[in-house]
C-alpha atoms as a PDB file:
ATOM      1  CA  MET A   1       8.584  -2.615  33.646  1.00  0.00           C
ATOM      2  CA  THR A   2      11.988  -3.626  32.270  1.00  0.00           C
ATOM      3  CA  ALA A   3      12.018  -4.022  28.504  1.00  0.00           C
ATOM      4  CA  CYS A   4      12.476  -7.492  27.056  1.00  0.00           C
ATOM      5  CA  LYS A   5      15.700  -7.426  25.047  1.00  0.00           C
ATOM      6  CA  ILE A   6      15.960  -9.824  22.110  1.00  0.00           C
ATOM      7  CA  LYS A   7      19.187 -10.233  20.166  1.00  0.00           C
ATOM      8  CA  THR A   8      18.517 -12.155  16.973  1.00  0.00           C
ATOM      9  CA  LEU A   9      22.111 -12.946  15.963  1.00  0.00           C
ATOM     10  CA  ASN A  10      24.115 -15.034  18.417  1.00  0.00           C
ATOM     11  CA  ASN A  11      27.379 -16.843  17.656  1.00  0.00           C
ATOM     12  CA  ASN A  12      26.767 -16.285  13.939  1.00  0.00           C
ATOM     13  CA  THR A  13      23.383 -18.040  14.182  1.00  0.00           C
ATOM     14  CA  ARG A  14      20.410 -15.956  13.062  1.00  0.00           C
ATOM     15  CA  MET A  15      16.974 -16.321  14.620  1.00  0.00           C
ATOM     16  CA  SER A  16      14.333 -16.911  11.944  1.00  0.00           C
ATOM     17  CA  THR A  17      11.403 -14.550  11.475  1.00  0.00           C
ATOM     18  CA  GLN A  18       9.000 -17.250  12.639  1.00  0.00           C
ATOM     19  CA  GLU A  19      10.974 -17.903  15.810  1.00  0.00           C
ATOM     20  CA  LEU A  20      11.238 -14.195  16.587  1.00  0.00           C
ATOM     21  CA  LEU A  21       7.513 -13.569  16.153  1.00  0.00           C
ATOM     22  CA  GLN A  22       6.641 -16.608  18.229  1.00  0.00           C
ATOM     23  CA  THR A  23       8.965 -15.393  20.972  1.00  0.00           C
ATOM     24  CA  ILE A  24       7.358 -11.941  20.949  1.00  0.00           C
ATOM     25  CA  ASN A  25       3.841 -13.381  21.153  1.00  0.00           C
ATOM     26  CA  LYS A  26       4.819 -15.674  24.024  1.00  0.00           C
ATOM     27  CA  LYS A  27       6.323 -12.765  25.954  1.00  0.00           C
ATOM     28  CA  ILE A  28       3.180 -10.681  25.405  1.00  0.00           C
ATOM     29  CA  GLU A  29       1.074 -13.531  26.805  1.00  0.00           C
ATOM     30  CA  GLU A  30       3.350 -13.440  29.869  1.00  0.00           C
ATOM     31  CA  GLY A  31       2.538  -9.757  30.339  1.00  0.00           C
ATOM     32  CA  ILE A  32       5.597  -8.147  28.702  1.00  0.00           C
ATOM     33  CA  THR A  33       4.687  -4.928  26.863  1.00  0.00           C
ATOM     34  CA  GLU A  34       8.079  -3.335  26.095  1.00  0.00           C
ATOM     35  CA  PHE A  35      10.612  -4.798  23.670  1.00  0.00           C
ATOM     36  CA  GLU A  36      14.082  -3.854  22.472  1.00  0.00           C
ATOM     37  CA  ILE A  37      14.877  -5.938  19.424  1.00  0.00           C
ATOM     38  CA  GLU A  38      18.279  -6.104  17.780  1.00  0.00           C
ATOM     39  CA  ALA A  39      17.018  -7.548  14.531  1.00  0.00           C
ATOM     40  CA  CYS A  40      18.857  -9.014  11.588  1.00  0.00           C
ATOM     41  CA  GLY A  41      16.438  -8.542   8.703  1.00  0.00           C
ATOM     42  CA  GLN A  42      13.466 -10.384  10.205  1.00  0.00           C
ATOM     43  CA  HIS A  43      10.087  -9.433   8.721  1.00  0.00           C
ATOM     44  CA  ASP A  44       6.760  -8.249  10.181  1.00  0.00           C
ATOM     45  CA  ILE A  45       8.081  -7.075  13.548  1.00  0.00           C
ATOM     46  CA  GLY A  46       5.436  -5.249  15.575  1.00  0.00           C
ATOM     47  CA  GLY A  47       2.481  -6.183  13.401  1.00  0.00           C
ATOM     48  CA  SER A  48      -0.795  -7.796  14.501  1.00  0.00           C
ATOM     49  CA  VAL A  49       0.003  -7.974  18.214  1.00  0.00           C
ATOM     50  CA  TRP A  50      -2.056  -6.935  21.217  1.00  0.00           C
ATOM     51  CA  SER A  51      -2.104  -7.402  24.955  1.00  0.00           C
ATOM     52  CA  LYS A  52      -5.056  -9.213  26.550  1.00  0.00           C
ATOM     53  CA  SER A  53      -4.817  -6.746  29.432  1.00  0.00           C
ATOM     54  CA  GLY A  54      -5.323  -3.843  27.029  1.00  0.00           C
ATOM     55  CA  LYS A  55      -1.925  -2.322  27.816  1.00  0.00           C
ATOM     56  CA  ASN A  56       0.015  -0.489  25.106  1.00  0.00           C
ATOM     57  CA  ILE A  57       2.915  -2.347  23.505  1.00  0.00           C
ATOM     58  CA  THR A  58       6.178  -0.624  22.539  1.00  0.00           C
ATOM     59  CA  PHE A  59       8.918  -1.874  20.219  1.00  0.00           C
ATOM     60  CA  LYS A  60      12.361  -0.345  19.769  1.00  0.00           C
ATOM     61  CA  ILE A  61      14.010  -1.996  16.775  1.00  0.00           C
ATOM     62  CA  THR A  62      17.310  -1.891  14.903  1.00  0.00           C
ATOM     63  CA  ASN A  63      18.018  -3.507  11.499  1.00  0.00           C
ATOM     64  CA  PRO A  64      14.504  -4.765  10.704  1.00  0.00           C
ATOM     65  CA  GLY A  65      13.425  -6.528   7.529  1.00  0.00           C
ATOM     66  CA  GLN A  66      10.365  -5.791   5.422  1.00  0.00           C
ATOM     67  CA  ARG A  67       6.887  -4.982   6.686  1.00  0.00           C
ATOM     68  CA  VAL A  68       7.746  -3.350  10.002  1.00  0.00           C
ATOM     69  CA  GLY A  69       4.391  -2.722  11.678  1.00  0.00           C
ATOM     70  CA  ALA A  70       2.388  -4.484   8.962  1.00  0.00           C
ATOM     71  CA  MET A  71      -1.272  -4.600  10.052  1.00  0.00           C
ATOM     72  CA  ALA A  72      -0.266  -3.072  13.405  1.00  0.00           C
ATOM     73  CA  MET A  73      -3.119  -1.967  15.637  1.00  0.00           C
ATOM     74  CA  ASP A  74      -4.094   0.822  17.975  1.00  0.00           C
ATOM     75  CA  GLY A  75      -2.078   0.675  21.184  1.00  0.00           C
ATOM     76  CA  THR A  76       1.156  -0.321  19.446  1.00  0.00           C
ATOM     77  CA  LYS A  77       4.138   2.021  19.132  1.00  0.00           C
ATOM     78  CA  ILE A  78       7.116   1.060  16.989  1.00  0.00           C
ATOM     79  CA  ILE A  79      10.393   2.981  16.906  1.00  0.00           C
ATOM     80  CA  VAL A  80      13.031   2.054  14.351  1.00  0.00           C
ATOM     81  CA  GLU A  81      16.504   3.417  15.049  1.00  0.00           C
ATOM     82  CA  GLY A  82      17.862   4.003  11.560  1.00  0.00           C
ATOM     83  CA  SER A  83      16.245   2.984   8.282  1.00  0.00           C
ATOM     84  CA  ALA A  84      13.816   0.237   7.280  1.00  0.00           C
ATOM     85  CA  PRO A  85      13.170  -1.557   3.948  1.00  0.00           C
ATOM     86  CA  ALA A  86       9.917  -1.956   2.022  1.00  0.00           C
ATOM     87  CA  ASP A  87       6.332  -2.015   3.324  1.00  0.00           C
ATOM     88  CA  VAL A  88       6.741  -0.062   6.553  1.00  0.00           C
ATOM     89  CA  GLY A  89       3.234   0.263   8.020  1.00  0.00           C
ATOM     90  CA  TRP A  90       1.610  -1.836   5.316  1.00  0.00           C
ATOM     91  CA  LEU A  91      -2.126  -1.933   6.167  1.00  0.00           C
ATOM     92  CA  ASN A  92      -1.442  -0.014   9.362  1.00  0.00           C
ATOM     93  CA  SER A  93      -4.626  -0.149  11.419  1.00  0.00           C
ATOM     94  CA  GLY A  94      -3.867   2.278  14.217  1.00  0.00           C
ATOM     95  CA  ALA A  95      -0.258   1.979  15.372  1.00  0.00           C
ATOM     96  CA  GLU A  96       2.236   4.817  15.715  1.00  0.00           C
ATOM     97  CA  ILE A  97       5.301   3.891  13.661  1.00  0.00           C
ATOM     98  CA  ILE A  98       8.471   6.010  13.780  1.00  0.00           C
ATOM     99  CA  VAL A  99      11.399   5.354  11.430  1.00  0.00           C
ATOM    100  CA  LYS A 100      14.230   7.746  12.247  1.00  0.00           C
ATOM    101  CA  GLY A 101      15.981   7.082   8.932  1.00  0.00           C
ATOM    102  CA  ASP A 102      14.638   6.272   5.465  1.00  0.00           C
ATOM    103  CA  GLY A 103      11.644   4.092   4.598  1.00  0.00           C
ATOM    104  CA  GLY A 104      11.740   1.769   1.593  1.00  0.00           C
ATOM    105  CA  ASP A 105       9.301   1.281  -1.283  1.00  0.00           C
ATOM    106  CA  THR A 106       5.564   1.135  -0.528  1.00  0.00           C
ATOM    107  CA  THR A 107       5.841   2.757   2.888  1.00  0.00           C
ATOM    108  CA  ALA A 108       2.325   3.331   4.308  1.00  0.00           C
ATOM    109  CA  HIS A 109       0.860   1.203   1.507  1.00  0.00           C
ATOM    110  CA  CYS A 110      -2.854   0.609   2.211  1.00  0.00           C
ATOM    111  CA  ALA A 111      -2.606   2.378   5.586  1.00  0.00           C
ATOM    112  CA  ALA A 112      -6.049   2.744   7.137  1.00  0.00           C
ATOM    113  CA  GLY A 113      -5.279   4.177  10.574  1.00  0.00           C
ATOM    114  CA  GLY A 114      -2.595   5.401  12.951  1.00  0.00           C
ATOM    115  CA  LYS A 115       0.427   7.570  12.233  1.00  0.00           C
ATOM    116  CA  ILE A 116       3.607   6.777  10.290  1.00  0.00           C
ATOM    117  CA  TYR A 117       6.585   9.123  10.736  1.00  0.00           C
ATOM    118  CA  ILE A 118       9.654   8.869   8.463  1.00  0.00           C
ATOM    119  CA  GLY A 119      12.780  10.839   9.369  1.00  0.00           C
ATOM    120  CA  GLY A 120      14.284  10.653   5.877  1.00  0.00           C
ATOM    121  CA  ARG A 121      12.874   9.763   2.463  1.00  0.00           C
ATOM    122  CA  THR A 122      10.702   6.894   1.177  1.00  0.00           C
ATOM    123  CA  GLY A 123      10.698   4.838  -1.995  1.00  0.00           C
ATOM    124  CA  THR A 124       8.325   4.284  -4.881  1.00  0.00           C
ATOM    125  CA  ARG A 125       4.572   3.825  -4.415  1.00  0.00           C
ATOM    126  CA  SER A 126       4.651   5.128  -0.869  1.00  0.00           C
ATOM    127  CA  GLY A 127       1.203   6.075   0.405  1.00  0.00           C
ATOM    128  CA  ALA A 128      -0.507   4.124  -2.363  1.00  0.00           C
ATOM    129  CA  LEU A 129      -4.055   2.963  -1.585  1.00  0.00           C
ATOM    130  CA  MET A 130      -4.267   4.842   1.711  1.00  0.00           C
ATOM    131  CA  LYS A 131      -7.867   4.840   2.877  1.00  0.00           C
ATOM    132  CA  HIS A 132     -10.119   6.221   5.610  1.00  0.00           C
ATOM    133  CA  ASP A 133     -13.005   4.546   7.414  1.00  0.00           C
ATOM    134  CA  PRO A 134     -15.116   7.453   8.761  1.00  0.00           C
ATOM    135  CA  ARG A 135     -15.739   5.516  11.985  1.00  0.00           C
ATOM    136  CA  PHE A 136     -12.073   5.986  12.895  1.00  0.00           C
ATOM    137  CA  GLU A 137      -9.498   8.760  12.764  1.00  0.00           C
ATOM    138  CA  ALA A 138      -7.875   9.237   9.372  1.00  0.00           C
ATOM    139  CA  PRO A 139      -4.404   7.708   8.893  1.00  0.00           C
ATOM    140  CA  GLU A 140      -1.481  10.121   8.788  1.00  0.00           C
ATOM    141  CA  PHE A 141       1.791   9.682   6.909  1.00  0.00           C
ATOM    142  CA  TRP A 142       4.612  12.186   7.523  1.00  0.00           C
ATOM    143  CA  VAL A 143       7.909  12.229   5.593  1.00  0.00           C
ATOM    144  CA  LEU A 144      10.756  14.654   6.324  1.00  0.00           C
ATOM    145  CA  LYS A 145      12.292  14.610   2.831  1.00  0.00           C
ATOM    146  CA  ASN A 146      10.732  13.158  -0.349  1.00  0.00           C
ATOM    147  CA  THR A 147       9.029  10.116  -1.869  1.00  0.00           C
ATOM    148  CA  GLY A 148       9.748   7.981  -4.922  1.00  0.00           C
ATOM    149  CA  SER A 149       7.669   7.888  -8.105  1.00  0.00           C
ATOM    150  CA  PHE A 150       4.060   6.659  -8.251  1.00  0.00           C
ATOM    151  CA  SER A 151       3.476   7.848  -4.693  1.00  0.00           C
ATOM    152  CA  PHE A 152      -0.160   8.022  -3.503  1.00  0.00           C
ATOM    153  CA  GLU A 153      -1.496   5.887  -6.343  1.00  0.00           C
ATOM    154  CA  PHE A 154      -5.232   5.278  -5.933  1.00  0.00           C
ATOM    155  CA  MET A 155      -5.271   7.100  -2.611  1.00  0.00           C
ATOM    156  CA  GLY A 156      -8.793   7.032  -1.232  1.00  0.00           C
ATOM    157  CA  GLY A 157      -8.436   8.832   2.099  1.00  0.00           C
ATOM    158  CA  GLY A 158      -6.115   9.908   4.874  1.00  0.00           C
ATOM    159  CA  ILE A 159      -3.525  12.661   5.166  1.00  0.00           C
ATOM    160  CA  ALA A 160       0.074  12.731   3.927  1.00  0.00           C
ATOM    161  CA  VAL A 161       2.651  15.414   4.720  1.00  0.00           C
ATOM    162  CA  ILE A 162       5.828  15.513   2.617  1.00  0.00           C
ATOM    163  CA  CYS A 163       8.141  18.166   4.054  1.00  0.00           C
ATOM    164  CA  GLY A 164      10.742  18.339   1.261  1.00  0.00           C
ATOM    165  CA  TYR A 165      13.557  19.142   3.679  1.00  0.00           C
ATOM    166  CA  GLU A 166      16.943  19.451   1.912  1.00  0.00           C
ATOM    167  CA  CYS A 167      15.239  18.665  -1.414  1.00  0.00           C
ATOM    168  CA  ASP A 168      15.529  22.027  -3.191  1.00  0.00           C
ATOM    169  CA  ASP A 169      17.493  20.483  -6.061  1.00  0.00           C
ATOM    170  CA  ILE A 170      14.937  17.732  -6.746  1.00  0.00           C
ATOM    171  CA  PRO A 171      12.545  18.435  -9.689  1.00  0.00           C
ATOM    172  CA  SER A 172       9.641  16.876  -7.799  1.00  0.00           C
ATOM    173  CA  ILE A 173       9.634  15.754  -4.190  1.00  0.00           C
ATOM    174  CA  LEU A 174       6.823  13.330  -5.065  1.00  0.00           C
ATOM    175  CA  GLY A 175       8.719  11.725  -7.934  1.00  0.00           C
ATOM    176  CA  ASN A 176       7.126  11.127 -11.324  1.00  0.00           C
ATOM    177  CA  ARG A 177       3.440  10.373 -11.919  1.00  0.00           C
ATOM    178  CA  SER A 178       2.306  10.875  -8.371  1.00  0.00           C
ATOM    179  CA  CYS A 179      -1.356  10.607  -7.343  1.00  0.00           C
ATOM    180  CA  VAL A 180      -2.461   8.459 -10.298  1.00  0.00           C
ATOM    181  CA  GLY A 181      -6.061   7.427  -9.666  1.00  0.00           C
ATOM    182  CA  MET A 182      -6.317   9.450  -6.444  1.00  0.00           C
ATOM    183  CA  VAL A 183      -9.972   9.811  -5.427  1.00  0.00           C
ATOM    184  CA  GLY A 184      -9.754  10.989  -1.794  1.00  0.00           C
ATOM    185  CA  GLY A 185      -7.527  12.275   0.965  1.00  0.00           C
ATOM    186  CA  THR A 186      -5.056  15.163   1.107  1.00  0.00           C
ATOM    187  CA  VAL A 187      -1.338  15.373   0.365  1.00  0.00           C
ATOM    188  CA  TYR A 188       0.482  18.391   1.852  1.00  0.00           C
ATOM    189  CA  VAL A 189       3.783  19.131   0.121  1.00  0.00           C
ATOM    190  CA  ARG A 190       6.595  21.630   0.588  1.00  0.00           C
ATOM    191  CA  GLY A 191       8.841  22.285  -2.393  1.00  0.00           C
ATOM    192  CA  ASN A 192       8.934  21.416  -6.086  1.00  0.00           C
ATOM    193  CA  VAL A 193       6.141  19.254  -7.491  1.00  0.00           C
ATOM    194  CA  ASP A 194       5.953  18.104 -11.105  1.00  0.00           C
ATOM    195  CA  GLY A 195       4.563  15.209 -13.124  1.00  0.00           C
ATOM    196  CA  LEU A 196       1.266  14.918 -11.250  1.00  0.00           C
ATOM    197  CA  ALA A 197      -1.578  12.859 -12.676  1.00  0.00           C
ATOM    198  CA  GLU A 198      -4.386  14.810 -14.348  1.00  0.00           C
ATOM    199  CA  CYS A 199      -6.973  13.657 -11.790  1.00  0.00           C
ATOM    200  CA  VAL A 200      -5.698  15.979  -9.029  1.00  0.00           C
ATOM    201  CA  GLN A 201      -5.194  19.700  -8.434  1.00  0.00           C
ATOM    202  CA  LYS A 202      -2.772  21.851  -6.420  1.00  0.00           C
ATOM    203  CA  VAL A 203      -4.465  24.232  -3.982  1.00  0.00           C
ATOM    204  CA  LYS A 204      -3.184  26.932  -1.618  1.00  0.00           C
ATOM    205  CA  LEU A 205      -3.341  26.261   2.111  1.00  0.00           C
ATOM    206  CA  ASP A 206      -6.191  27.739   4.131  1.00  0.00           C
ATOM    207  CA  LYS A 207      -6.274  28.457   7.880  1.00  0.00           C
ATOM    208  CA  PHE A 208      -7.419  24.926   8.721  1.00  0.00           C
ATOM    209  CA  ASP A 209      -4.487  23.453   6.767  1.00  0.00           C
ATOM    210  CA  LYS A 210      -1.938  25.689   8.478  1.00  0.00           C
ATOM    211  CA  ASP A 211      -3.342  24.958  11.929  1.00  0.00           C
ATOM    212  CA  PHE A 212      -3.233  21.218  11.239  1.00  0.00           C
ATOM    213  CA  LEU A 213       0.369  21.365  10.052  1.00  0.00           C
ATOM    214  CA  LYS A 214       1.503  23.539  12.954  1.00  0.00           C
ATOM    215  CA  SER A 215       0.045  21.178  15.537  1.00  0.00           C
ATOM    216  CA  GLY A 216       1.190  18.029  13.747  1.00  0.00           C
ATOM    217  CA  LEU A 217       4.745  19.218  13.123  1.00  0.00           C
ATOM    218  CA  ASP A 218       5.436  19.430  16.857  1.00  0.00           C
ATOM    219  CA  ASN A 219       4.856  15.730  17.450  1.00  0.00           C
ATOM    220  CA  PHE A 220       6.393  14.610  14.147  1.00  0.00           C
ATOM    221  CA  LEU A 221       9.676  16.445  14.696  1.00  0.00           C
ATOM    222  CA  LYS A 222       9.826  15.364  18.333  1.00  0.00           C
ATOM    223  CA  GLU A 223       9.395  11.695  17.438  1.00  0.00           C
ATOM    224  CA  ILE A 224      12.081  11.705  14.718  1.00  0.00           C
ATOM    225  CA  GLY A 225      14.450  13.802  16.851  1.00  0.00           C
ATOM    226  CA  ARG A 226      14.521  16.899  14.601  1.00  0.00           C
ATOM    227  CA  GLU A 227      12.776  19.554  16.703  1.00  0.00           C
ATOM    228  CA  GLU A 228      15.272  22.188  15.534  1.00  0.00           C
ATOM    229  CA  LEU A 229      13.530  22.204  12.116  1.00  0.00           C
ATOM    230  CA  LYS A 230      10.202  23.526  13.374  1.00  0.00           C
ATOM    231  CA  GLU A 231      10.842  27.162  12.417  1.00  0.00           C
ATOM    232  CA  THR A 232      12.041  26.207   8.926  1.00  0.00           C
ATOM    233  CA  LEU A 233       9.115  23.916   8.181  1.00  0.00           C
ATOM    234  CA  SER A 234       6.558  26.273   9.706  1.00  0.00           C
ATOM    235  CA  ASP A 235       7.190  28.826   6.950  1.00  0.00           C
ATOM    236  CA  PHE A 236       4.232  27.970   4.713  1.00  0.00           C
ATOM    237  CA  THR A 237       5.398  30.036   1.731  1.00  0.00           C
ATOM    238  CA  ASN A 238       6.380  26.934  -0.259  1.00  0.00           C
ATOM    239  CA  TRP A 239       3.628  24.622   0.975  1.00  0.00           C
ATOM    240  CA  MET A 240       0.573  23.530  -1.016  1.00  0.00           C
ATOM    241  CA  LYS A 241      -1.968  20.744  -0.831  1.00  0.00           C
ATOM    242  CA  ILE A 242      -2.958  18.218  -3.468  1.00  0.00           C
ATOM    243  CA  ILE A 243      -6.540  16.987  -3.607  1.00  0.00           C
ATOM    244  CA  PRO A 244      -8.604  15.087  -6.198  1.00  0.00           C
ATOM    245  CA  LEU A 245     -10.346  17.064  -8.869  1.00  0.00           C
ATOM    246  CA  PRO A 246     -14.114  17.337  -8.433  1.00  0.00           C
ATOM    247  CA  LYS A 247     -15.827  14.699 -10.533  1.00  0.00           C
ATOM    248  CA  ALA A 248     -17.368  17.314 -12.830  1.00  0.00           C
ATOM    249  CA  LEU A 249     -13.917  18.593 -13.840  1.00  0.00           C
ATOM    250  CA  LYS A 250     -12.328  15.246 -14.623  1.00  0.00           C
ATOM    251  CA  GLU A 251     -11.727  14.328 -18.226  1.00  0.00           C
ATOM    252  CA  LYS A 252     -14.055  11.862 -19.858  1.00  0.00           C
ATOM    253  CA  ASN A 253     -13.106   8.203 -19.734  1.00  0.00           C
ATOM    254  CA  ILE A 254     -10.687   6.985 -22.352  1.00  0.00           C
ATOM    255  CA  THR A 255      -9.888   3.515 -23.602  1.00  0.00           C
ATOM    256  CA  VAL A 256      -6.857   1.564 -22.445  1.00  0.00           C
ATOM    257  CA  LYS A 257      -5.319   1.965 -25.903  1.00  0.00           C
ATOM    258  CA  GLU A 258      -5.791   5.753 -25.785  1.00  0.00           C
ATOM    259  CA  PHE A 259      -4.145   5.804 -22.355  1.00  0.00           C
ATOM    260  CA  LYS A 260      -1.150   3.827 -23.659  1.00  0.00           C
ATOM    261  CA  ASP A 261      -0.852   6.038 -26.744  1.00  0.00           C
ATOM    262  CA  THR A 262      -1.139   9.399 -24.983  1.00  0.00           C
ATOM    263  CA  GLN A 263      -0.126   9.002 -21.325  1.00  0.00           C
ATOM    264  CA  TRP A 264       1.946   5.870 -20.768  1.00  0.00           C
ATOM    265  CA  PHE A 265       5.702   5.465 -21.197  1.00  0.00           C
ATOM    266  CA  THR A 266       7.022   5.591 -24.750  1.00  0.00           C
ATOM    267  CA  ASP A 267       7.591   1.992 -25.950  1.00  0.00           C
ATOM    268  CA  GLY A 268       6.102   0.610 -22.712  1.00  0.00           C
ATOM    269  CA  LEU A 269       7.410   0.085 -19.200  1.00  0.00           C
ATOM    270  CA  PHE A 270       9.995  -2.491 -20.311  1.00  0.00           C
ATOM    271  CA  GLY A 271      10.715  -0.980 -23.713  1.00  0.00           C
ATOM    272  CA  ASP A 272      14.466  -1.339 -23.242  1.00  0.00           C
ATOM    273  CA  LEU A 273      14.067  -5.124 -22.961  1.00  0.00           C
ATOM    274  CA  VAL A 274      11.113  -6.142 -25.122  1.00  0.00           C
ATOM    275  CA  GLU A 275       9.198  -4.592 -27.992  1.00  0.00           C
ATOM    276  CA  ASP A 276       5.671  -3.445 -27.117  1.00  0.00           C
ATOM    277  CA  ASN A 277       3.411  -4.098 -30.093  1.00  0.00           C
ATOM    278  CA  GLY A 278       0.632  -1.997 -28.578  1.00  0.00           C
ATOM    279  CA  GLU A 279      -1.804  -4.871 -28.225  1.00  0.00           C
ATOM    280  CA  VAL A 280      -4.349  -4.438 -25.420  1.00  0.00           C
ATOM    281  CA  PHE A 281      -5.611  -7.659 -23.905  1.00  0.00           C
ATOM    282  CA  ALA A 282      -9.245  -8.088 -22.943  1.00  0.00           C
ATOM    283  CA  LEU A 283     -10.043  -8.291 -19.242  1.00  0.00           C
ATOM    284  CA  SER A 284     -11.166 -11.919 -19.658  1.00  0.00           C
ATOM    285  CA  GLN A 285      -9.289 -14.072 -22.156  1.00  0.00           C
ATOM    286  CA  ALA A 286     -10.842 -16.884 -24.168  1.00  0.00           C
ATOM    287  CA  GLY A 287      -9.261 -19.769 -26.054  1.00  0.00           C
ATOM    288  CA  ASP A 288      -5.638 -20.644 -25.378  1.00  0.00           C
ATOM    289  CA  ALA A 289      -5.193 -17.615 -23.110  1.00  0.00           C
ATOM    290  CA  ARG A 290      -7.585 -19.004 -20.485  1.00  0.00           C
ATOM    291  CA  LEU A 291      -6.122 -19.921 -17.118  1.00  0.00           C
ATOM    292  CA  ARG A 292      -8.587 -22.827 -16.873  1.00  0.00           C
ATOM    293  CA  LYS A 293     -10.945 -24.740 -19.127  1.00  0.00           C
ATOM    294  CA  PRO A 294     -13.981 -26.931 -18.307  1.00  0.00           C
ATOM    295  CA  VAL A 295     -13.994 -30.700 -18.909  1.00  0.00           C
ATOM    296  CA  TRP A 296     -17.368 -32.519 -18.994  1.00  0.00           C
ATOM    297  CA  ASP A 297     -17.965 -35.973 -17.483  1.00  0.00           C
ATOM    298  CA  LYS A 298     -20.815 -37.579 -19.422  1.00  0.00           C
ATOM    299  CA  ALA A 299     -21.338 -40.304 -16.808  1.00  0.00           C
ATOM    300  CA  LYS A 300     -22.151 -37.792 -14.058  1.00  0.00           C
ATOM    301  CA  CYS A 301     -24.363 -35.480 -16.127  1.00  0.00           C
ATOM    302  CA  ILE A 302     -28.153 -35.568 -15.498  1.00  0.00           C
ATOM    303  CA  ARG A 303     -28.956 -33.184 -18.385  1.00  0.00           C
ATOM    304  CA  CYS A 304     -30.408 -30.459 -16.175  1.00  0.00           C
ATOM    305  CA  ASN A 305     -28.948 -27.826 -18.505  1.00  0.00           C
ATOM    306  CA  LEU A 306     -28.008 -25.476 -15.645  1.00  0.00           C
ATOM    307  CA  CYS A 307     -24.558 -25.056 -17.163  1.00  0.00           C
ATOM    308  CA  VAL A 308     -26.025 -24.131 -20.532  1.00  0.00           C
ATOM    309  CA  LYS A 309     -28.431 -21.606 -19.009  1.00  0.00           C
ATOM    310  CA  ASN A 310     -25.881 -19.961 -16.721  1.00  0.00           C
ATOM    311  CA  CYS A 311     -22.838 -19.704 -18.992  1.00  0.00           C
ATOM    312  CA  PRO A 312     -22.217 -15.936 -19.372  1.00  0.00           C
ATOM    313  CA  GLN A 313     -20.504 -16.432 -22.730  1.00  0.00           C
ATOM    314  CA  ASN A 314     -23.031 -18.874 -24.281  1.00  0.00           C
ATOM    315  CA  ALA A 315     -20.029 -21.139 -24.784  1.00  0.00           C
ATOM    316  CA  ILE A 316     -21.818 -24.452 -23.960  1.00  0.00           C
ATOM    317  CA  ASN A 317     -24.366 -25.937 -26.336  1.00  0.00           C
ATOM    318  CA  GLU A 318     -27.105 -28.471 -25.505  1.00  0.00           C
ATOM    319  CA  ASP A 319     -24.786 -31.338 -26.431  1.00  0.00           C
ATOM    320  CA  TYR A 320     -22.383 -30.008 -23.740  1.00  0.00           C
ATOM    321  CA  ASN A 321     -19.682 -29.137 -26.207  1.00  0.00           C
ATOM    322  CA  VAL A 322     -17.614 -26.042 -25.328  1.00  0.00           C
ATOM    323  CA  THR A 323     -16.729 -23.386 -27.896  1.00  0.00           C
ATOM    324  CA  ASP A 324     -13.165 -22.549 -26.853  1.00  0.00           C
ATOM    325  CA  ASN A 325     -12.969 -19.118 -28.444  1.00  0.00           C
ATOM    326  CA  ARG A 326     -15.973 -18.063 -26.339  1.00  0.00           C
ATOM    327  CA  CYS A 327     -15.141 -19.800 -23.042  1.00  0.00           C
ATOM    328  CA  ILE A 328     -13.192 -17.633 -20.563  1.00  0.00           C
ATOM    329  CA  GLY A 329     -12.678 -20.348 -17.958  1.00  0.00           C
ATOM    330  CA  CYS A 330     -14.806 -18.607 -15.336  1.00  0.00           C
ATOM    331  CA  GLY A 331     -15.940 -21.869 -13.729  1.00  0.00           C
ATOM    332  CA  ILE A 332     -19.641 -20.993 -13.450  1.00  0.00           C
ATOM    333  CA  CYS A 333     -20.613 -24.219 -15.214  1.00  0.00           C
ATOM    334  CA  SER A 334     -18.740 -26.181 -12.570  1.00  0.00           C
ATOM    335  CA  ALA A 335     -20.209 -24.115  -9.734  1.00  0.00           C
ATOM    336  CA  VAL A 336     -23.867 -24.590 -10.729  1.00  0.00           C
ATOM    337  CA  CYS A 337     -23.652 -28.275 -11.655  1.00  0.00           C
ATOM    338  CA  PRO A 338     -25.409 -30.359  -8.935  1.00  0.00           C
ATOM    339  CA  LYS A 339     -23.479 -33.526  -9.851  1.00  0.00           C
ATOM    340  CA  SER A 340     -19.979 -32.072 -10.398  1.00  0.00           C
ATOM    341  CA  ALA A 341     -20.037 -33.123 -14.015  1.00  0.00           C
ATOM    342  CA  TRP A 342     -17.808 -30.190 -14.952  1.00  0.00           C
ATOM    343  CA  THR A 343     -14.182 -30.012 -13.748  1.00  0.00           C
ATOM    344  CA  MET A 344     -11.995 -26.949 -14.233  1.00  0.00           C
ATOM    345  CA  VAL A 345      -8.453 -27.887 -15.349  1.00  0.00           C
END
């Protein structure tokens, strides 16, 4: 079948993202399964599409915008000639996504399936919140060079492979504070690694790891057009894997204030702009810091006292007055009232 070619910039008039996505969906309904898209920064190309006939869908894209392949599904293949901005493969659910250049920030963020191949480097928070549903194959995320800081935050599953190619002069190919909150999954890395969170450990590769990398490298390098690097990357001397520490070895829980004092940035994340007084806010704010507050309508009230009984903060008395410095604006009083006598404002 001949590919459907879509040029999104004609006579200096740019096709909107909405128009492009609607055009793609219409073509898929007509039975088209191959697309060549000359994009101009449009978002979400290749995501959440499927063919009623069950046929695979292929996209070849240049100059995409954010979220290439966001929420893309099994049976979709996306090839980006060149680089792509943020959120490549966000919530990927089974697609194969190939970016032959660099990926932006949060590449593979929340990926839950499929394979994401990056032929260059990726930005900050790449691989964060990757997860694995045991009913499906684990997601894979392969990067030829390096990632930005805070990569693999809160990773819960899946496999990442960071090859560190041409990154010998970089102090850490995972950036600073990688793997914060990581509780599952595996990150294979080649090269210098520093600044890891305390919740993970570096481990030598075993036979299973080497066999996985050998077999996976073939397809990865083929898809990004760098097959000549196989011999270089197959030397496992400088490879290691990063996995979460067993629960028994993790440090005891600390308070938010202790974390800020001992592990967070000096003077706070925006210390060059504002002064951080060290105050730690409660998870639920009362008084003036509430996002909402309840207002009682006496005329509607039937005095059932459900609001009084169900208030988690004991902020409502039997006269239906609210103690502001106890009320957190949760809205439970409004939810349980059978006559809608409470309104959240």
